[in-house]
């Protein structure tokens, strides 16, 4: 991860199943909104992209999320910008 991303709050969801990964990320989003952190990093790994696709599909429709995208230098993360 580049140095800019190292200072952002992050959650590592390696080992979660696609069924269960939504809950800890949703809680993480709520916590960071309360803390006024409006950019967070989800570390999901590369693998077969199951977690990445689940996360991006579910949270792209979430009204708390302003924007989400990947890092071209690290395919194993998703960056989420939260609404203020």
Protein backbone atom coordinates (compact mmCIF):
# COMPACT_ATOMS: atom_id res chain seq x y z
CA UNK A 1 0.00 0.00 0.00
CA UNK A 2 1.29 3.44 -0.76
CA UNK A 3 2.05 5.77 2.14
CA UNK A 4 -1.15 7.82 1.69
CA UNK A 5 -3.29 4.73 2.16
CA UNK A 6 -1.37 3.72 5.29
CA UNK A 7 -2.83 6.64 7.25
CA UNK A 8 -6.44 5.82 6.37
CA UNK A 9 -8.59 3.66 8.66
CA UNK A 10 -8.71 0.12 7.33
CA UNK A 11 -10.41 -3.17 7.98
CA UNK A 12 -9.02 -6.51 6.83
CA UNK A 13 -11.73 -8.98 5.83
CA UNK A 14 -9.52 -11.86 4.69
CA UNK A 15 -11.16 -15.13 5.68
CA UNK A 16 -14.73 -13.83 5.71
CA UNK A 17 -17.33 -15.45 3.49
CA UNK A 18 -19.35 -13.39 1.04
CA UNK A 19 -22.42 -13.99 3.24
CA UNK A 20 -20.85 -12.49 6.37
CA UNK A 21 -18.48 -9.80 5.05
CA UNK A 22 -21.18 -7.13 4.80
CA UNK A 23 -21.81 -6.89 8.58
CA UNK A 24 -18.32 -5.94 9.83
CA UNK A 25 -17.88 -3.48 6.96
CA UNK A 26 -21.23 -1.86 7.67
CA UNK A 27 -20.26 -1.46 11.34
CA UNK A 28 -16.86 -0.09 10.26
CA UNK A 29 -18.59 2.48 8.05
CA UNK A 30 -20.86 3.56 10.91
CA UNK A 31 -17.91 3.88 13.30
CA UNK A 32 -15.94 5.99 10.83
CA UNK A 33 -18.87 8.29 10.10
CA UNK A 34 -19.12 8.94 13.86
CA UNK A 35 -15.36 9.59 13.98
CA UNK A 36 -15.61 11.92 10.95
CA UNK A 37 -13.30 9.76 8.84
CA UNK A 38 -14.67 10.07 5.34
CA UNK A 39 -12.25 7.83 3.47
CA UNK A 40 -11.62 4.23 4.50
CA UNK A 41 -9.86 1.18 3.08
CA UNK A 42 -11.25 -2.35 2.89
CA UNK A 43 -8.52 -5.00 2.54
CA UNK A 44 -10.12 -8.02 0.88
CA UNK A 45 -7.27 -9.63 -1.03
CA UNK A 46 -7.24 -10.72 -4.64
CA UNK A 47 -8.16 -14.41 -4.78
CA UNK A 48 -11.09 -15.10 -7.09
CA UNK A 49 -12.52 -11.60 -6.48
CA UNK A 50 -15.56 -12.97 -4.64
CA UNK A 51 -15.18 -10.65 -1.64
CA UNK A 52 -14.26 -7.68 -3.81
CA UNK A 53 -17.32 -8.16 -6.02
CA UNK A 54 -19.63 -8.68 -3.03
CA UNK A 55 -18.31 -5.56 -1.30
CA UNK A 56 -18.48 -3.35 -4.37
CA UNK A 57 -21.93 -4.59 -5.40
CA UNK A 58 -23.47 -4.11 -1.95
CA UNK A 59 -21.84 -0.85 -0.95
CA UNK A 60 -22.12 0.91 -4.32
CA UNK A 61 -25.86 1.16 -3.54
CA UNK A 62 -25.36 2.21 0.10
CA UNK A 63 -26.53 5.78 0.79
CA UNK A 64 -23.66 6.26 3.27
CA UNK A 65 -21.15 5.72 0.45
CA UNK A 66 -20.28 8.63 -1.80
CA UNK A 67 -17.82 6.74 -4.03
CA UNK A 68 -15.88 3.49 -4.06
CA UNK A 69 -12.98 2.39 -6.20
CA UNK A 70 -9.92 0.20 -6.34
CA UNK A 71 -6.27 1.11 -6.21
CA UNK A 72 -4.50 0.41 -9.52
CA UNK A 73 -1.33 -0.47 -7.61
CA UNK A 74 -3.03 -2.83 -5.14
CA UNK A 75 -5.88 -4.94 -6.50
CA UNK A 76 -6.55 -6.40 -3.05
CA UNK A 77 -8.19 -3.27 -1.62
CA UNK A 78 -11.25 -1.12 -2.11
CA UNK A 79 -11.27 2.54 -1.09
CA UNK A 80 -14.59 3.93 0.09
CA UNK A 81 -15.38 7.63 0.35
CA UNK A 82 -18.24 8.27 2.75
CA UNK A 83 -20.88 10.97 2.63
CA UNK A 84 -20.39 13.80 5.11
